[in-house]
């Protein structure tokens, strides 16, 4: 039985069990049954722990503790890694190879060197989180203060995002309560437990627990206690939390986003086209398209040695090969039905002579590629369902995606550098917050501007010590 929570102030509390899988290969998670009184004890304890252990702790020490946990998650022989790698496929529905890939790629970004790079990218001198430092070019000194208590509300679509969020909070010295998602209550709890094993004082500043979404008594108490709220999820869920967050508290919402890929004609030589298709297939397969960074479709520029229609066939072949080494996860009945319905619509359109061409896995719904000459953006039903749409020129993409500008996030591009910058200018002006090389969409660096904003700087407030005061002192 695995404890899927970390509530250091609550030594004794009622729990419930959730089972996943069957027989010897199954697991059982133990989850807390929180009451308002119990949650109040934990919230008060977090605030006290912030004062005692975190507010004046050097940020470098925090990095070192996180690095120890990241190293454990990267070590295939460590019990922490083994539990995560064994349990998460059952809990999330992702395949075991997918979970292994996610742990390897994400935990590498939680190592000390990556975290120092993140702090330097956002603050220049990370010591600004420890003490007043000189303001270059402005005179005087300044100091960044994180919230005393931050509440993070997670979604369960992509394992690991919750840990990145907790780490950001700890780096700005915020005691943190993470509300885990019903679809993935385990990994953030394992991380918090490992932090406590590495450093009990830092572990006292971190709590993770699941409770049913919409529990107004618990959520209202947590929202009222927090100085900052970080929320992940669908647009409606994020909007609801924003509306209930007190006006004086900072709110960071990471809601629904859409991403897509672009292939320029110069990358469609006979030699390159297959390589680009393999990279695109991996983008669509990673997280089974559940991530905000996952491409819904690919716009392919005409005029290359390989046509957009031919490239769609290459993409289908690449997805078929990838299924053997990186299988798709299990689907809910409704998800499988959505894929079958879309395939039926595409097949009908193909028969009708619309120019649509359907490529699909013969056994089951593991992957689907639809070549569609209609250039309008169309969101995928996910789970490795990808459209390929031809465009005469790269510049023609921009008006096609204007209807989704407010939801636009990552664009993966295969193009030569001299064309890439001009396209990035147009996409950024429209609303894209990230333009990446096709093949790197799924793995934004720790220092990326998440949805166009600096995630650490958005958590802190600043205090300036003016030069005139320092002169008098």
Protein backbone atom coordinates (compact mmCIF):
# COMPACT_ATOMS: atom_id res chain seq x y z
CA UNK A 1 0.00 0.00 0.00
CA UNK A 2 1.41 3.37 -1.05
CA UNK A 3 0.65 6.61 0.77
CA UNK A 4 -0.39 9.12 -1.89
CA UNK A 5 -0.11 12.16 0.35
CA UNK A 6 2.33 14.12 2.47
CA UNK A 7 0.76 15.92 5.42
CA UNK A 8 3.57 16.37 7.94
CA UNK A 9 1.42 18.06 10.58
CA UNK A 10 -1.14 15.26 10.67
CA UNK A 11 0.28 12.14 12.28
CA UNK A 12 -3.09 10.43 12.55
CA UNK A 13 -5.88 10.97 10.06
CA UNK A 14 -8.54 8.84 8.41
CA UNK A 15 -7.69 7.44 4.98
CA UNK A 16 -9.38 5.65 2.12
CA UNK A 17 -7.88 3.19 -0.36
CA UNK A 18 -7.98 3.22 -4.14
CA UNK A 19 -7.03 0.12 -6.09
CA UNK A 20 -5.46 0.01 -9.56
CA UNK A 21 -4.90 -3.11 -11.62
CA UNK A 22 -5.59 -6.65 -10.49
CA UNK A 23 -3.85 -9.42 -8.62
CA UNK A 24 -0.14 -9.33 -7.97
CA UNK A 25 0.39 -6.64 -10.59
CA UNK A 26 -2.10 -4.27 -8.97
CA UNK A 27 -1.41 -1.54 -6.44
CA UNK A 28 -3.36 0.17 -3.69
CA UNK A 29 -3.04 3.85 -2.88
CA UNK A 30 -3.91 5.28 0.50
CA UNK A 31 -5.43 8.77 0.35
CA UNK A 32 -6.39 11.13 3.18
CA UNK A 33 -9.94 11.90 4.19
CA UNK A 34 -9.46 15.56 5.05
CA UNK A 35 -11.88 17.60 7.12
CA UNK A 36 -11.85 21.38 7.50
CA UNK A 37 -10.42 21.00 11.01
CA UNK A 38 -7.57 18.78 9.81
CA UNK A 39 -6.80 21.04 6.87
CA UNK A 40 -6.70 24.05 9.18
CA UNK A 41 -4.07 22.31 11.33
CA UNK A 42 -1.94 21.60 8.27
CA UNK A 43 -2.27 25.14 6.90
CA UNK A 44 -1.27 26.65 10.24
CA UNK A 45 1.68 24.27 10.43
CA UNK A 46 2.87 25.29 6.95
CA UNK A 47 2.83 28.95 7.90
CA UNK A 48 4.77 28.25 11.07
CA UNK A 49 7.26 26.09 9.17
CA UNK A 50 7.80 28.90 6.68
CA UNK A 51 8.74 31.24 9.51
CA UNK A 52 10.99 28.70 11.25
CA UNK A 53 12.67 26.90 8.38
CA UNK A 54 12.22 28.59 5.01
CA UNK A 55 12.03 32.37 5.07
CA UNK A 56 15.73 32.87 5.81
CA UNK A 57 17.11 29.68 4.30
CA UNK A 58 19.64 30.24 1.47
CA UNK A 59 18.17 29.32 -1.89
CA UNK A 60 21.27 27.25 -2.69
CA UNK A 61 20.43 24.88 0.18
CA UNK A 62 16.93 24.42 -1.23
CA UNK A 63 18.41 23.61 -4.63
CA UNK A 64 20.68 20.98 -3.09
CA UNK A 65 17.76 19.17 -1.45
CA UNK A 66 15.72 19.17 -4.66
CA UNK A 67 18.76 17.90 -6.54
CA UNK A 68 19.03 14.92 -4.18
CA UNK A 69 15.41 13.97 -4.91
CA UNK A 70 15.88 14.43 -8.66
CA UNK A 71 18.94 12.16 -8.56
CA UNK A 72 16.86 9.46 -6.88
CA UNK A 73 14.15 9.74 -9.54
CA UNK A 74 16.81 9.29 -12.23
CA UNK A 75 18.35 6.23 -10.57
CA UNK A 76 16.69 3.08 -11.89
CA UNK A 77 17.78 1.17 -8.77
CA UNK A 78 16.44 3.65 -6.24
CA UNK A 79 13.22 2.57 -4.46
CA UNK A 80 11.65 5.96 -5.18
CA UNK A 81 12.17 5.53 -8.92
CA UNK A 82 11.00 1.93 -8.82
CA UNK A 83 7.76 2.85 -7.05
CA UNK A 84 7.08 5.68 -9.49
CA UNK A 85 7.90 3.60 -12.57
CA UNK A 86 5.79 0.67 -11.39
CA UNK A 87 2.77 2.50 -10.02
CA UNK A 88 2.32 5.42 -12.40
CA UNK A 89 1.35 3.34 -15.46
CA UNK A 90 -1.48 1.83 -13.43
CA UNK A 91 -2.55 5.15 -11.92
CA UNK A 92 -2.35 7.31 -15.04
CA UNK A 93 -3.06 4.88 -17.87
CA UNK A 94 0.16 5.82 -19.65
CA UNK A 95 2.32 2.95 -20.87
CA UNK A 96 5.35 1.96 -18.81
CA UNK A 97 7.83 3.15 -21.49
CA UNK A 98 6.09 6.52 -21.56
CA UNK A 99 6.38 6.90 -17.80
CA UNK A 100 10.07 5.96 -17.97
CA UNK A 101 10.64 8.62 -20.64
CA UNK A 102 8.74 11.27 -18.67
CA UNK A 103 10.68 10.55 -15.48
CA UNK A 104 14.02 10.64 -17.29
CA UNK A 105 13.37 13.87 -19.15
CA UNK A 106 11.61 15.81 -16.40
CA UNK A 107 13.81 14.78 -13.48
CA UNK A 108 16.87 15.90 -15.46
CA UNK A 109 15.38 19.40 -15.40
CA UNK A 110 15.12 19.26 -11.60
CA UNK A 111 18.88 18.85 -11.14
CA UNK A 112 20.87 21.62 -9.49
CA UNK A 113 22.50 23.00 -12.62
CA UNK A 114 19.16 23.40 -14.39
CA UNK A 115 17.58 25.07 -11.36
CA UNK A 116 20.47 27.50 -11.03
CA UNK A 117 20.05 28.32 -14.71
CA UNK A 118 16.35 28.99 -14.14
CA UNK A 119 17.07 31.34 -11.24
CA UNK A 120 19.73 33.20 -13.19
CA UNK A 121 17.42 33.55 -16.20
CA UNK A 122 14.66 35.06 -14.06
CA UNK A 123 16.57 37.06 -11.47
CA UNK A 124 20.06 37.54 -12.83
CA UNK A 125 21.56 37.20 -9.36
CA UNK A 126 19.71 34.46 -7.42
CA UNK A 127 20.96 35.99 -4.15
CA UNK A 128 18.15 38.50 -4.53
CA UNK A 129 15.99 35.80 -2.92
CA UNK A 130 18.31 35.75 0.11
CA UNK A 131 19.20 39.38 0.72
CA UNK A 132 19.14 42.89 -0.71
CA UNK A 133 21.37 43.07 -3.78
CA UNK A 134 22.52 46.01 -5.86
CA UNK A 135 20.18 47.15 -8.62
CA UNK A 136 22.37 47.44 -11.68
CA UNK A 137 21.81 50.76 -13.44
CA UNK A 138 19.07 51.87 -11.05
CA UNK A 139 20.89 52.59 -7.81
CA UNK A 140 20.03 51.21 -4.41
CA UNK A 141 19.26 47.59 -3.66
CA UNK A 142 16.33 45.27 -4.08
CA UNK A 143 15.06 42.01 -2.58
CA UNK A 144 12.55 39.45 -3.83
CA UNK A 145 10.13 37.84 -1.38
CA UNK A 146 8.04 34.80 -2.18
CA UNK A 147 4.61 34.20 -0.68
CA UNK A 148 4.42 32.84 2.83
CA UNK A 149 1.96 30.16 1.70
CA UNK A 150 1.16 29.07 -1.86
CA UNK A 151 -1.66 26.76 -2.93
CA UNK A 152 -1.11 24.73 -6.10
CA UNK A 153 -4.11 23.00 -7.70
CA UNK A 154 -2.98 20.37 -10.20
CA UNK A 155 -4.51 18.67 -13.20
CA UNK A 156 -3.68 15.05 -13.89
CA UNK A 157 -3.06 14.99 -17.63
CA UNK A 158 0.77 15.06 -17.62
CA UNK A 159 2.77 13.49 -14.76
CA UNK A 160 5.63 15.64 -13.53
CA UNK A 161 4.13 19.06 -14.19
CA UNK A 162 2.97 19.09 -10.58
CA UNK A 163 6.54 18.58 -9.34
CA UNK A 164 7.86 21.39 -11.51
CA UNK A 165 5.22 23.64 -9.96
CA UNK A 166 6.15 22.62 -6.41
CA UNK A 167 9.82 23.22 -7.16
CA UNK A 168 9.12 26.71 -8.45
CA UNK A 169 7.31 27.47 -5.22
CA UNK A 170 10.11 26.16 -3.02
CA UNK A 171 12.72 28.13 -4.98
CA UNK A 172 11.01 31.40 -4.01
CA UNK A 173 10.74 30.14 -0.42
CA UNK A 174 7.00 29.65 -0.26
CA UNK A 175 5.56 27.04 2.06
CA UNK A 176 3.33 25.07 -0.27
CA UNK A 177 0.15 23.01 -0.26
CA UNK A 178 -0.40 20.98 -3.41
CA UNK A 179 -3.87 19.67 -4.20
CA UNK A 180 -3.29 16.64 -6.38
CA UNK A 181 -5.61 15.54 -9.17
CA UNK A 182 -7.87 12.52 -9.22
CA UNK A 183 -6.08 11.30 -12.35
CA UNK A 184 -2.60 11.51 -10.82
CA UNK A 185 -2.49 11.78 -7.02
CA UNK A 186 0.79 9.89 -6.58
CA UNK A 187 3.89 11.53 -8.08
CA UNK A 188 3.68 14.90 -6.28
CA UNK A 189 3.17 13.04 -3.01
CA UNK A 190 6.21 10.84 -3.64
CA UNK A 191 8.26 13.96 -4.36
CA UNK A 192 7.14 15.66 -1.15
CA UNK A 193 7.88 12.54 0.90
CA UNK A 194 11.35 12.34 -0.64
CA UNK A 195 12.02 16.00 0.16
CA UNK A 196 11.13 15.28 3.78
CA UNK A 197 13.43 12.25 3.84
CA UNK A 198 16.29 14.38 2.52
CA UNK A 199 15.58 17.36 4.77
CA UNK A 200 12.91 17.22 7.47
CA UNK A 201 12.77 20.99 7.88
CA UNK A 202 12.13 21.62 4.19
CA UNK A 203 9.69 18.71 4.18
CA UNK A 204 7.71 20.45 6.92
CA UNK A 205 7.20 23.36 4.50
CA UNK A 206 5.53 21.15 1.90
CA UNK A 207 2.20 19.31 1.93
CA UNK A 208 0.43 17.36 -0.81
CA UNK A 209 -3.02 15.81 -0.64
CA UNK A 210 -6.00 14.92 -2.77
CA UNK A 211 -9.56 15.95 -2.03
CA UNK A 212 -12.51 15.94 -4.42
CA UNK A 213 -12.64 18.98 -6.65
CA UNK A 214 -15.46 21.33 -5.80
CA UNK A 215 -15.36 20.64 -2.05
CA UNK A 216 -16.18 24.22 -1.13
CA UNK A 217 -15.33 23.89 2.55
CA UNK A 218 -11.81 22.59 1.93
CA UNK A 219 -11.08 24.66 -1.17
CA UNK A 220 -12.48 27.81 0.38
CA UNK A 221 -10.28 27.38 3.44
CA UNK A 222 -7.16 26.72 1.36
CA UNK A 223 -7.85 29.63 -0.99
CA UNK A 224 -8.42 32.01 1.91
CA UNK A 225 -5.19 30.98 3.63
CA UNK A 226 -2.91 31.23 0.59
CA UNK A 227 -0.98 34.33 -0.40
CA UNK A 228 -0.63 32.92 -3.92
CA UNK A 229 -2.69 30.41 -5.89
CA UNK A 230 -1.33 28.47 -8.87
CA UNK A 231 -3.99 26.57 -10.80
CA UNK A 232 -3.79 24.08 -13.66
CA UNK A 233 -6.70 22.63 -15.59
CA UNK A 234 -9.43 23.36 -18.06
CA UNK A 235 -10.62 26.88 -18.68
CA UNK A 236 -13.74 26.51 -16.55
CA UNK A 237 -11.88 24.98 -13.60
CA UNK A 238 -9.22 27.70 -13.64
CA UNK A 239 -11.84 30.44 -13.96
CA UNK A 240 -13.75 29.03 -10.99
CA UNK A 241 -10.66 29.05 -8.79
CA UNK A 242 -9.75 32.54 -9.95
CA UNK A 243 -13.21 33.81 -9.02
CA UNK A 244 -12.93 32.34 -5.50
CA UNK A 245 -9.40 33.56 -4.81
CA UNK A 246 -9.35 36.64 -2.53
CA UNK A 247 -8.55 39.88 -4.33
CA UNK A 248 -5.40 40.45 -2.25
CA UNK A 249 -3.91 37.07 -3.22
CA UNK A 250 -1.85 36.51 -6.34
CA UNK A 251 -3.38 34.13 -8.88
CA UNK A 252 -1.49 32.32 -11.63
CA UNK A 253 -3.70 30.28 -13.94
CA UNK A 254 -2.43 27.76 -16.47
CA UNK A 255 -5.51 26.76 -18.42
CA UNK A 256 -6.33 25.07 -21.71
CA UNK A 257 -3.78 25.67 -24.48
CA UNK A 258 -3.32 24.53 -28.07
CA UNK A 259 -0.11 23.73 -29.95
CA UNK A 260 0.74 22.67 -33.48
CA UNK A 261 3.66 21.95 -35.81
CA UNK A 262 4.97 23.49 -39.03
CA UNK A 263 7.12 21.88 -41.74
CA UNK A 264 8.75 24.14 -44.34
CA UNK A 265 9.39 23.03 -47.90
CA UNK A 266 13.17 23.15 -47.53
CA UNK A 267 12.89 20.36 -44.94
CA UNK A 268 10.95 18.16 -47.35
CA UNK A 269 13.83 16.77 -49.36
CA UNK A 270 13.82 13.04 -49.92
CA UNK A 271 16.62 12.80 -47.38
CA UNK A 272 15.11 14.98 -44.63
CA UNK A 273 11.36 14.37 -44.91
CA UNK A 274 11.43 10.99 -43.19
CA UNK A 275 13.56 12.35 -40.33
CA UNK A 276 11.15 15.25 -39.85
CA UNK A 277 8.21 12.83 -39.86
CA UNK A 278 9.90 10.74 -37.16
CA UNK A 279 10.38 13.85 -35.01
CA UNK A 280 6.76 14.87 -35.56
CA UNK A 281 5.52 11.40 -34.65
CA UNK A 282 7.43 11.52 -31.37
CA UNK A 283 5.88 14.92 -30.59
CA UNK A 284 2.37 13.54 -31.14
CA UNK A 285 3.09 10.36 -29.20
CA UNK A 286 4.66 11.99 -26.13
CA UNK A 287 2.06 12.29 -23.34
CA UNK A 288 -0.34 10.69 -25.86
CA UNK A 289 -1.06 14.27 -26.97
CA UNK A 290 -2.45 15.16 -23.53
CA UNK A 291 0.00 18.00 -22.89
CA UNK A 292 -0.52 21.66 -23.67
CA UNK A 293 2.74 21.39 -25.63
CA UNK A 294 1.43 18.49 -27.75
CA UNK A 295 0.69 19.22 -31.43
CA UNK A 296 -2.89 18.86 -32.64
CA UNK A 297 -1.92 19.11 -36.29
CA UNK A 298 0.92 19.87 -38.70
CA UNK A 299 0.88 22.51 -41.39
CA UNK A 300 3.11 21.38 -44.26
CA UNK A 301 4.33 23.82 -46.88
CA UNK A 302 3.89 22.79 -50.50
CA UNK A 303 6.70 22.99 -53.05
CA UNK A 304 9.15 20.54 -51.46
CA UNK A 305 10.45 17.37 -53.04
CA UNK A 306 7.98 15.50 -50.85
CA UNK A 307 4.40 16.76 -50.97
CA UNK A 308 2.26 17.32 -47.89
CA UNK A 309 0.16 14.30 -48.85
CA UNK A 310 3.26 12.10 -49.14
CA UNK A 311 4.57 13.46 -45.84
CA UNK A 312 1.33 12.46 -44.12
CA UNK A 313 2.04 8.90 -45.20
CA UNK A 314 5.55 9.15 -43.77
CA UNK A 315 4.10 10.43 -40.50
CA UNK A 316 1.69 7.49 -40.38
CA UNK A 317 4.53 5.03 -40.91
CA UNK A 318 6.57 6.74 -38.17
CA UNK A 319 3.69 6.53 -35.70
CA UNK A 320 3.25 2.83 -36.52
CA UNK A 321 6.93 2.19 -35.80
CA UNK A 322 6.84 4.25 -32.62
CA UNK A 323 3.94 2.25 -31.23
CA UNK A 324 6.29 -0.69 -30.80
CA UNK A 325 8.80 1.14 -28.60
CA UNK A 326 6.56 3.78 -27.01
CA UNK A 327 3.05 2.31 -26.83
CA UNK A 328 0.03 4.46 -26.31
CA UNK A 329 -1.70 4.18 -22.96
CA UNK A 330 -5.11 2.77 -22.18
CA UNK A 331 -8.19 4.77 -23.15
CA UNK A 332 -11.53 5.39 -21.51
CA UNK A 333 -14.47 4.13 -23.59
CA UNK A 334 -15.45 7.67 -24.55
CA UNK A 335 -11.96 8.43 -25.85
CA UNK A 336 -11.93 5.36 -28.08
CA UNK A 337 -15.41 6.21 -29.36
CA UNK A 338 -14.30 9.73 -30.29
CA UNK A 339 -11.43 8.33 -32.37
CA UNK A 340 -13.67 5.84 -34.15
CA UNK A 341 -16.19 8.56 -34.92
CA UNK A 342 -13.52 10.85 -36.35
CA UNK A 343 -12.11 8.02 -38.44
CA UNK A 344 -15.57 7.33 -39.81
CA UNK A 345 -16.03 10.97 -40.78
CA UNK A 346 -12.63 11.03 -42.49
CA UNK A 347 -13.33 7.80 -44.35
CA UNK A 348 -16.65 9.16 -45.60
CA UNK A 349 -14.95 12.39 -46.74
CA UNK A 350 -12.28 10.36 -48.55
CA UNK A 351 -14.90 8.33 -50.40
CA UNK A 352 -16.72 11.55 -51.31
CA UNK A 353 -13.62 12.81 -53.13
CA UNK A 354 -12.88 15.76 -50.84
CA UNK A 355 -9.14 15.16 -50.96
CA UNK A 356 -9.03 13.76 -47.42
CA UNK A 357 -6.82 10.72 -46.93
CA UNK A 358 -7.10 8.54 -43.82
CA UNK A 359 -4.23 6.50 -42.38
CA UNK A 360 -4.99 4.48 -39.27
CA UNK A 361 -3.71 1.58 -37.22
CA UNK A 362 -5.31 -1.66 -38.32
CA UNK A 363 -5.60 -3.05 -34.82
CA UNK A 364 -7.42 -0.75 -32.44
CA UNK A 365 -7.17 3.02 -32.29
CA UNK A 366 -3.49 3.37 -31.41
CA UNK A 367 -2.72 6.05 -34.02
CA UNK A 368 -4.54 8.04 -36.69
CA UNK A 369 -3.27 10.45 -39.37
CA UNK A 370 -5.71 12.45 -41.50
CA UNK A 371 -4.48 14.37 -44.52
CA UNK A 372 -6.97 17.21 -44.91
CA UNK A 373 -6.69 19.95 -47.57
CA UNK A 374 -8.93 22.27 -45.55
CA UNK A 375 -6.39 24.67 -43.96
CA UNK A 376 -8.60 25.72 -41.02
CA UNK A 377 -7.22 24.80 -37.59
CA UNK A 378 -9.01 21.80 -36.11
CA UNK A 379 -8.33 20.54 -32.60
CA UNK A 380 -7.56 16.86 -32.19
CA UNK A 381 -9.52 14.44 -30.03
CA UNK A 382 -6.02 13.52 -28.76
CA UNK A 383 -4.46 10.13 -28.10
CA UNK A 384 -2.25 10.19 -31.21
CA UNK A 385 -4.80 11.57 -33.66
CA UNK A 386 -3.07 14.04 -35.99
CA UNK A 387 -4.15 16.06 -39.01
CA UNK A 388 -1.77 17.13 -41.76
CA UNK A 389 -2.82 20.25 -43.67
CA UNK A 390 -1.06 21.69 -46.73
CA UNK A 391 -0.34 25.42 -47.10
CA UNK A 392 1.04 27.18 -50.16
CA UNK A 393 3.36 29.40 -48.09
CA UNK A 394 4.35 29.51 -44.41
CA UNK A 395 2.91 33.02 -44.18
CA UNK A 396 -0.51 31.57 -44.94
CA UNK A 397 -0.58 29.79 -41.59
CA UNK A 398 -1.08 32.93 -39.50
CA UNK A 399 -4.63 33.82 -40.63
CA UNK A 400 -5.64 30.18 -40.22
CA UNK A 401 -4.77 30.17 -36.54
CA UNK A 402 -6.12 33.60 -35.63
CA UNK A 403 -9.34 32.05 -34.25
CA UNK A 404 -7.30 30.21 -31.59
CA UNK A 405 -4.84 33.03 -30.86
CA UNK A 406 -5.91 33.36 -27.22
CA UNK A 407 -5.25 29.64 -26.64
CA UNK A 408 -2.03 29.36 -28.61
CA UNK A 409 1.05 28.08 -26.82
CA UNK A 410 3.82 26.07 -28.49
CA UNK A 411 4.66 25.84 -32.18
CA UNK A 412 7.16 23.22 -33.30
CA UNK A 413 8.93 24.20 -36.51
CA UNK A 414 11.09 22.39 -39.05
CA UNK A 415 12.52 25.21 -41.19
CA UNK A 416 15.85 26.74 -42.08
CA UNK A 417 17.04 29.45 -39.65
CA UNK A 418 16.64 32.36 -42.05
CA UNK A 419 12.91 31.62 -42.39
CA UNK A 420 12.37 30.55 -38.79
CA UNK A 421 12.91 33.99 -37.24
CA UNK A 422 10.39 35.71 -39.51
CA UNK A 423 7.82 33.02 -38.77
CA UNK A 424 8.51 33.27 -35.03
CA UNK A 425 7.92 37.03 -35.18
CA UNK A 426 4.52 36.51 -36.78
CA UNK A 427 3.54 33.70 -34.41
CA UNK A 428 4.70 35.59 -31.33
CA UNK A 429 2.78 38.69 -32.38
CA UNK A 430 -0.33 36.57 -32.78
CA UNK A 431 -0.07 34.95 -29.35
CA UNK A 432 2.35 32.01 -29.35
CA UNK A 433 4.47 31.90 -26.21
CA UNK A 434 7.03 29.38 -27.46
CA UNK A 435 8.53 28.43 -30.82
CA UNK A 436 10.65 25.27 -30.67
CA UNK A 437 12.49 23.01 -33.05
CA UNK A 438 10.27 20.14 -34.09
CA UNK A 439 11.40 17.33 -31.81
CA UNK A 440 11.68 19.53 -28.71
CA UNK A 441 8.06 20.63 -28.27
CA UNK A 442 7.38 18.23 -25.42
CA UNK A 443 10.33 19.32 -23.30
CA UNK A 444 10.47 23.07 -22.67
CA UNK A 445 13.58 24.11 -20.75
CA UNK A 446 13.16 25.05 -17.07
CA UNK A 447 13.74 28.70 -17.96
CA UNK A 448 10.90 28.96 -20.48
CA UNK A 449 8.29 31.67 -20.09
CA UNK A 450 5.35 29.45 -19.14
CA UNK A 451 2.39 30.63 -21.23
CA UNK A 452 4.40 33.75 -21.93
CA UNK A 453 5.10 34.68 -18.31
CA UNK A 454 8.12 34.24 -16.00
CA UNK A 455 6.87 31.65 -13.48
CA UNK A 456 9.20 32.58 -10.63
CA UNK A 457 9.03 36.35 -10.97
CA UNK A 458 5.25 36.10 -11.10
CA UNK A 459 5.33 34.52 -7.64
CA UNK A 460 7.43 37.14 -5.88
CA UNK A 461 6.98 40.70 -4.71
CA UNK A 462 9.81 43.20 -4.51
CA UNK A 463 11.13 45.52 -1.84
CA UNK A 464 13.49 48.31 -2.93
CA UNK A 465 16.07 49.80 -0.60
CA UNK A 466 16.70 53.20 -2.07
CA UNK A 467 20.18 54.61 -2.53
CA UNK A 468 19.46 57.65 -0.37
CA UNK A 469 18.65 55.42 2.61
CA UNK A 470 21.84 53.44 2.18
CA UNK A 471 23.93 56.61 1.99
CA UNK A 472 22.51 57.83 5.30
CA UNK A 473 23.14 54.47 6.89
